[in-house]
Amino acid sequence: MYSPTEAMAPATCWATYAKHLPLLSSVARRVLAQPACASAAERNWSIYGQVNTTARSRMQHETGDKLVYCHEALHLKGKLQDAGYKQKAEKEVGHGLGLGLVGRGGSQDVRRRRRRRPSGGVAVRHDR
């Protein structure tokens, strides 16, 4: 015989019918909500491998984490914009990371100032 719970996703079934077992229900919903594949983790490891090259071998682990986060955030933002999603207000892309990245319409002013190097070359310095 067919019951309505057979057509439900397991997490939905636990959320709906397991009110009398709140602790077990919360654990079951958390376990069942986990992704069944590791593709997101593999993607992050791949990006981290591209970020942490031999030229950047002295880079701190936290800096690499921030770069991977920014790469994924910008990638997601681009996908959402391509899909036609429009944000009401542009916010900082690297919010909380101290990166100072601002999307279009941001209020942060970044000035470029040239300074001379002792060797005669020109270096570009970014000031906030």
N, C-alpha and C. Protein backbone atom coordinates (compact mmCIF):
# COMPACT_ATOMS: atom_id res chain seq x y z
N MET A 1 0.84 -1.18 0.00
CA MET A 1 0.00 0.00 0.00
C MET A 1 0.89 1.24 0.00
N TYR A 2 0.46 2.26 -0.67
CA TYR A 2 1.21 3.51 -0.83
C TYR A 2 0.87 4.46 0.30
N SER A 3 1.90 5.02 0.93
CA SER A 3 1.67 6.01 1.99
C SER A 3 2.28 7.34 1.55
N PRO A 4 1.77 8.46 2.08
CA PRO A 4 2.29 9.77 1.67
C PRO A 4 3.76 9.98 2.01
N THR A 5 4.26 9.27 3.00
CA THR A 5 5.65 9.46 3.39
C THR A 5 6.62 8.87 2.38
N GLU A 6 6.18 7.92 1.56
CA GLU A 6 7.07 7.31 0.57
C GLU A 6 7.44 8.29 -0.53
N ALA A 7 6.58 9.25 -0.82
CA ALA A 7 6.85 10.23 -1.87
C ALA A 7 7.63 11.43 -1.35
N MET A 8 7.74 11.57 -0.03
CA MET A 8 8.42 12.72 0.57
C MET A 8 9.92 12.50 0.62
N ALA A 9 10.63 13.60 0.59
CA ALA A 9 12.07 13.54 0.84
C ALA A 9 12.27 13.17 2.32
N PRO A 10 13.31 12.42 2.64
CA PRO A 10 13.50 12.01 4.04
C PRO A 10 13.57 13.17 5.02
N ALA A 11 14.25 14.26 4.65
CA ALA A 11 14.36 15.40 5.56
C ALA A 11 12.99 16.03 5.81
N THR A 12 12.16 16.11 4.78
CA THR A 12 10.81 16.66 4.93
C THR A 12 9.96 15.75 5.80
N CYS A 13 10.09 14.47 5.62
CA CYS A 13 9.35 13.51 6.43
C CYS A 13 9.72 13.65 7.90
N TRP A 14 11.02 13.75 8.19
CA TRP A 14 11.45 13.92 9.58
C TRP A 14 10.95 15.24 10.15
N ALA A 15 10.97 16.29 9.36
CA ALA A 15 10.50 17.59 9.84
C ALA A 15 9.00 17.59 10.11
N THR A 16 8.25 16.82 9.33
CA THR A 16 6.79 16.83 9.45
C THR A 16 6.28 15.87 10.52
N TYR A 17 6.75 14.63 10.53
CA TYR A 17 6.14 13.59 11.35
C TYR A 17 6.90 13.20 12.61
N ALA A 18 8.05 13.74 12.86
CA ALA A 18 8.83 13.30 14.01
C ALA A 18 8.84 14.33 15.13
N LYS A 19 7.71 14.98 15.36
CA LYS A 19 7.62 16.00 16.41
C LYS A 19 7.76 15.39 17.81
N HIS A 20 7.38 14.15 17.98
CA HIS A 20 7.46 13.52 19.30
C HIS A 20 8.88 13.06 19.64
N LEU A 21 9.81 13.11 18.69
CA LEU A 21 11.22 12.79 18.93
C LEU A 21 12.07 13.98 18.50
N PRO A 22 12.04 15.08 19.24
CA PRO A 22 12.70 16.31 18.77
C PRO A 22 14.21 16.18 18.62
N LEU A 23 14.88 15.51 19.55
CA LEU A 23 16.34 15.40 19.46
C LEU A 23 16.74 14.53 18.27
N LEU A 24 16.12 13.37 18.16
CA LEU A 24 16.42 12.48 17.03
C LEU A 24 16.04 13.13 15.70
N SER A 25 14.94 13.86 15.69
CA SER A 25 14.49 14.54 14.48
C SER A 25 15.50 15.59 14.03
N SER A 26 16.02 16.37 14.96
CA SER A 26 16.99 17.41 14.58
C SER A 26 18.28 16.80 14.05
N VAL A 27 18.73 15.71 14.67
CA VAL A 27 19.95 15.04 14.20
C VAL A 27 19.71 14.44 12.81
N ALA A 28 18.56 13.80 12.63
CA ALA A 28 18.26 13.18 11.33
C ALA A 28 18.17 14.22 10.23
N ARG A 29 17.53 15.37 10.50
CA ARG A 29 17.42 16.41 9.48
C ARG A 29 18.79 16.98 9.13
N ARG A 30 19.67 17.12 10.11
CA ARG A 30 21.03 17.63 9.82
C ARG A 30 21.82 16.63 8.98
N VAL A 31 21.71 15.36 9.33
CA VAL A 31 22.44 14.33 8.58
C VAL A 31 21.90 14.23 7.16
N LEU A 32 20.59 14.25 7.02
CA LEU A 32 19.98 14.10 5.69
C LEU A 32 20.14 15.34 4.82
N ALA A 33 20.43 16.48 5.43
CA ALA A 33 20.61 17.71 4.67
C ALA A 33 22.02 17.83 4.08
N GLN A 34 22.93 16.95 4.47
CA GLN A 34 24.29 16.99 3.95
C GLN A 34 24.29 16.61 2.48
N PRO A 35 25.14 17.27 1.68
CA PRO A 35 25.20 16.89 0.26
C PRO A 35 25.74 15.47 0.10
N ALA A 36 25.25 14.79 -0.90
CA ALA A 36 25.64 13.40 -1.12
C ALA A 36 26.94 13.26 -1.89
N CYS A 37 27.48 14.35 -2.37
CA CYS A 37 28.74 14.29 -3.11
C CYS A 37 29.70 15.35 -2.59
N ALA A 38 30.94 15.22 -2.95
CA ALA A 38 31.98 16.13 -2.47
C ALA A 38 32.41 17.11 -3.55
N SER A 39 31.54 17.39 -4.52
CA SER A 39 31.96 18.24 -5.63
C SER A 39 32.28 19.66 -5.19
N ALA A 40 31.54 20.20 -4.22
CA ALA A 40 31.82 21.56 -3.75
C ALA A 40 33.20 21.63 -3.08
N ALA A 41 33.51 20.62 -2.27
CA ALA A 41 34.82 20.59 -1.63
C ALA A 41 35.93 20.40 -2.66
N GLU A 42 35.70 19.52 -3.63
CA GLU A 42 36.69 19.30 -4.69
C GLU A 42 36.94 20.58 -5.49
N ARG A 43 35.87 21.33 -5.76
CA ARG A 43 36.01 22.59 -6.50
C ARG A 43 36.85 23.58 -5.70
N ASN A 44 36.60 23.69 -4.38
CA ASN A 44 37.40 24.59 -3.55
C ASN A 44 38.86 24.16 -3.49
N TRP A 45 39.12 22.86 -3.40
CA TRP A 45 40.50 22.39 -3.38
C TRP A 45 41.19 22.70 -4.70
N SER A 46 40.47 22.56 -5.80
CA SER A 46 41.04 22.86 -7.11
C SER A 46 41.40 24.34 -7.22
N ILE A 47 40.50 25.20 -6.77
CA ILE A 47 40.77 26.64 -6.81
C ILE A 47 41.93 26.98 -5.89
N TYR A 48 41.98 26.36 -4.71
CA TYR A 48 43.08 26.62 -3.79
C TYR A 48 44.41 26.17 -4.41
N GLY A 49 44.39 25.09 -5.16
CA GLY A 49 45.60 24.64 -5.85
C GLY A 49 46.06 25.63 -6.90
N GLN A 50 45.10 26.31 -7.55
CA GLN A 50 45.45 27.33 -8.53
C GLN A 50 45.98 28.59 -7.85
N VAL A 51 45.47 28.88 -6.66
CA VAL A 51 45.89 30.08 -5.92
C VAL A 51 47.26 29.88 -5.30
N ASN A 52 47.48 28.74 -4.68
CA ASN A 52 48.72 28.48 -3.96
C ASN A 52 49.72 27.80 -4.90
N THR A 53 50.37 28.58 -5.73
CA THR A 53 51.36 28.07 -6.68
C THR A 53 52.75 28.15 -6.06
N THR A 54 53.76 27.69 -6.79
CA THR A 54 55.13 27.77 -6.27
C THR A 54 55.58 29.21 -6.13
N ALA A 55 55.03 30.10 -6.96
CA ALA A 55 55.40 31.52 -6.85
C ALA A 55 54.80 32.15 -5.59
N ARG A 56 53.74 31.54 -5.08
CA ARG A 56 53.09 32.07 -3.87
C ARG A 56 53.24 31.11 -2.70
N SER A 57 54.30 30.39 -2.64
CA SER A 57 54.45 29.37 -1.61
C SER A 57 54.57 29.95 -0.20
N ARG A 58 54.93 31.22 -0.09
CA ARG A 58 55.07 31.84 1.23
C ARG A 58 53.76 32.48 1.71
N MET A 59 52.71 32.36 0.93
CA MET A 59 51.43 32.96 1.28
C MET A 59 50.84 32.25 2.49
N GLN A 60 50.27 33.03 3.39
CA GLN A 60 49.63 32.47 4.58
C GLN A 60 48.37 31.69 4.18
N HIS A 61 48.03 30.69 4.97
CA HIS A 61 46.85 29.87 4.70
C HIS A 61 45.57 30.70 4.73
N GLU A 62 45.48 31.63 5.68
CA GLU A 62 44.29 32.48 5.80
C GLU A 62 44.12 33.35 4.55
N THR A 63 45.22 33.83 3.98
CA THR A 63 45.16 34.64 2.77
C THR A 63 44.63 33.81 1.61
N GLY A 64 45.09 32.57 1.50
CA GLY A 64 44.58 31.68 0.46
C GLY A 64 43.09 31.41 0.63
N ASP A 65 42.66 31.22 1.87
CA ASP A 65 41.23 31.02 2.13
C ASP A 65 40.42 32.22 1.68
N LYS A 66 40.92 33.42 1.95
CA LYS A 66 40.22 34.64 1.56
C LYS A 66 40.15 34.77 0.04
N LEU A 67 41.23 34.43 -0.64
CA LEU A 67 41.24 34.50 -2.10
C LEU A 67 40.26 33.51 -2.72
N VAL A 68 40.20 32.30 -2.17
CA VAL A 68 39.27 31.30 -2.67
C VAL A 68 37.83 31.75 -2.42
N TYR A 69 37.58 32.31 -1.23
CA TYR A 69 36.24 32.82 -0.91
C TYR A 69 35.83 33.92 -1.89
N CYS A 70 36.73 34.86 -2.14
CA CYS A 70 36.42 35.96 -3.07
C CYS A 70 36.19 35.44 -4.48
N HIS A 71 36.99 34.47 -4.91
CA HIS A 71 36.82 33.89 -6.24
C HIS A 71 35.44 33.26 -6.37
N GLU A 72 35.04 32.47 -5.38
CA GLU A 72 33.74 31.82 -5.43
C GLU A 72 32.60 32.83 -5.33
N ALA A 73 32.76 33.87 -4.49
CA ALA A 73 31.72 34.89 -4.35
C ALA A 73 31.53 35.65 -5.66
N LEU A 74 32.62 36.01 -6.32
CA LEU A 74 32.53 36.71 -7.59
C LEU A 74 31.95 35.81 -8.69
N HIS A 75 32.32 34.53 -8.65
CA HIS A 75 31.79 33.57 -9.62
C HIS A 75 30.27 33.42 -9.44
N LEU A 76 29.82 33.30 -8.20
CA LEU A 76 28.39 33.19 -7.91
C LEU A 76 27.65 34.45 -8.31
N LYS A 77 28.24 35.60 -8.02
CA LYS A 77 27.62 36.88 -8.38
C LYS A 77 27.45 36.98 -9.89
N GLY A 78 28.46 36.57 -10.65
CA GLY A 78 28.36 36.59 -12.10
C GLY A 78 27.28 35.65 -12.63
N LYS A 79 27.18 34.45 -12.03
CA LYS A 79 26.15 33.51 -12.45
C LYS A 79 24.75 34.06 -12.16
N LEU A 80 24.59 34.72 -11.01
CA LEU A 80 23.29 35.30 -10.68
C LEU A 80 22.93 36.44 -11.62
N GLN A 81 23.92 37.26 -11.97
CA GLN A 81 23.66 38.36 -12.90
C GLN A 81 23.33 37.83 -14.29
N ASP A 82 24.01 36.78 -14.72
CA ASP A 82 23.72 36.18 -16.03
C ASP A 82 22.30 35.60 -16.07
N ALA A 83 21.82 35.13 -14.92
CA ALA A 83 20.48 34.54 -14.85
C ALA A 83 19.39 35.61 -14.75
N GLY A 84 19.79 36.87 -14.66
CA GLY A 84 18.81 37.95 -14.59
C GLY A 84 18.48 38.40 -13.19
N TYR A 85 19.16 37.88 -12.19
CA TYR A 85 18.91 38.28 -10.81
C TYR A 85 19.50 39.66 -10.59
N LYS A 86 18.72 40.56 -10.02
CA LYS A 86 19.20 41.91 -9.75
C LYS A 86 19.16 42.16 -8.26
N GLN A 87 20.26 42.65 -7.75
CA GLN A 87 20.38 42.94 -6.33
C GLN A 87 19.82 44.32 -6.06
N LYS A 88 19.12 44.50 -4.95
CA LYS A 88 18.57 45.80 -4.61
C LYS A 88 19.66 46.80 -4.29
N ALA A 89 20.63 46.40 -3.51
CA ALA A 89 21.73 47.30 -3.14
C ALA A 89 23.02 46.52 -3.23
N GLU A 90 24.01 47.11 -3.87
CA GLU A 90 25.32 46.46 -3.96
C GLU A 90 26.02 46.57 -2.62
N LYS A 91 26.59 45.48 -2.17
CA LYS A 91 27.32 45.46 -0.91
C LYS A 91 28.76 45.10 -1.20
N GLU A 92 29.57 45.16 -0.15
CA GLU A 92 30.97 44.79 -0.32
C GLU A 92 31.06 43.33 -0.70
N VAL A 93 31.89 43.02 -1.69
CA VAL A 93 32.09 41.65 -2.13
C VAL A 93 32.86 40.88 -1.08
N GLY A 94 33.90 41.46 -0.53
CA GLY A 94 34.73 40.80 0.47
C GLY A 94 34.34 41.20 1.87
N HIS A 95 33.05 41.29 2.16
CA HIS A 95 32.55 41.76 3.45
C HIS A 95 33.17 40.97 4.60
N GLY A 96 33.74 41.68 5.54
CA GLY A 96 34.30 41.05 6.72
C GLY A 96 35.69 40.48 6.51
N LEU A 97 36.22 40.58 5.30
CA LEU A 97 37.54 40.01 5.04
C LEU A 97 38.62 41.07 5.02
N GLY A 98 38.23 42.34 5.07
CA GLY A 98 39.22 43.41 5.04
C GLY A 98 39.86 43.58 3.69
N LEU A 99 39.18 43.14 2.63
CA LEU A 99 39.76 43.23 1.30
C LEU A 99 39.40 44.53 0.61
N GLY A 100 38.36 45.20 1.07
CA GLY A 100 37.98 46.49 0.51
C GLY A 100 37.43 46.41 -0.90
N LEU A 101 36.89 45.27 -1.30
CA LEU A 101 36.30 45.15 -2.62
C LEU A 101 34.87 45.66 -2.58
N VAL A 102 34.54 46.53 -3.49
CA VAL A 102 33.20 47.11 -3.51
C VAL A 102 32.60 46.91 -4.88
N GLY A 103 31.36 46.50 -4.92
CA GLY A 103 30.66 46.34 -6.19
C GLY A 103 30.29 47.69 -6.77
N ARG A 104 29.65 47.67 -7.93
CA ARG A 104 29.23 48.91 -8.58
C ARG A 104 28.32 49.68 -7.65
N GLY A 105 28.49 51.00 -7.64
CA GLY A 105 27.64 51.84 -6.80
C GLY A 105 28.15 51.97 -5.38
N GLY A 106 29.32 51.40 -5.10
CA GLY A 106 29.87 51.47 -3.76
C GLY A 106 30.40 52.85 -3.45
N SER A 107 30.58 53.12 -2.17
CA SER A 107 30.99 54.46 -1.78
C SER A 107 32.48 54.57 -1.49
N GLN A 108 33.19 53.46 -1.58
CA GLN A 108 34.61 53.49 -1.24
C GLN A 108 35.41 54.05 -2.42
N ASP A 109 36.27 55.00 -2.13
CA ASP A 109 37.07 55.65 -3.16
C ASP A 109 38.48 55.10 -3.10
N VAL A 110 38.95 54.53 -4.19
CA VAL A 110 40.31 54.01 -4.25
C VAL A 110 41.10 54.91 -5.18
N ARG A 111 42.15 55.50 -4.65
CA ARG A 111 42.99 56.40 -5.44
C ARG A 111 44.29 55.69 -5.79
N ARG A 112 44.79 55.98 -6.97
CA ARG A 112 46.09 55.44 -7.38
C ARG A 112 47.09 56.58 -7.39
N ARG A 113 48.21 56.33 -6.79
CA ARG A 113 49.25 57.34 -6.74
C ARG A 113 50.54 56.69 -7.22
N ARG A 114 51.24 57.37 -8.11
CA ARG A 114 52.50 56.83 -8.62
C ARG A 114 53.65 57.31 -7.75
N ARG A 115 54.57 56.42 -7.51
CA ARG A 115 55.79 56.79 -6.79
C ARG A 115 56.97 56.17 -7.53
N ARG A 116 58.09 56.81 -7.44
CA ARG A 116 59.29 56.35 -8.14
C ARG A 116 60.04 55.34 -7.28
N ARG A 117 60.50 54.30 -7.92
CA ARG A 117 61.35 53.34 -7.25
C ARG A 117 62.79 53.81 -7.40
N PRO A 118 63.66 53.41 -6.48
CA PRO A 118 65.07 53.80 -6.59
C PRO A 118 65.72 53.34 -7.89
N SER A 119 65.23 52.26 -8.47
CA SER A 119 65.82 51.76 -9.71
C SER A 119 65.36 52.55 -10.93
N GLY A 120 64.45 53.49 -10.74
CA GLY A 120 63.97 54.29 -11.85
C GLY A 120 62.65 53.80 -12.41
N GLY A 121 62.19 52.61 -11.98
CA GLY A 121 60.91 52.09 -12.45
C GLY A 121 59.75 52.77 -11.74
N VAL A 122 58.60 52.64 -12.26
CA VAL A 122 57.41 53.25 -11.66
C VAL A 122 56.57 52.15 -11.04
N ALA A 123 56.17 52.35 -9.80
CA ALA A 123 55.30 51.41 -9.11
C ALA A 123 53.96 52.07 -8.85
N VAL A 124 52.90 51.32 -8.93
CA VAL A 124 51.57 51.85 -8.65
C VAL A 124 51.22 51.48 -7.22
N ARG A 125 50.81 52.45 -6.46
CA ARG A 125 50.47 52.22 -5.06
C ARG A 125 48.98 52.49 -4.88
N HIS A 126 48.29 51.62 -4.20
CA HIS A 126 46.85 51.77 -3.97
C HIS A 126 46.64 52.30 -2.56
N ASP A 127 45.98 53.44 -2.45
CA ASP A 127 45.66 54.02 -1.15
C ASP A 127 44.15 54.05 -0.99
N ARG A 128 43.74 53.91 0.25
CA ARG A 128 42.31 54.05 0.52
C ARG A 128 42.08 55.36 1.20
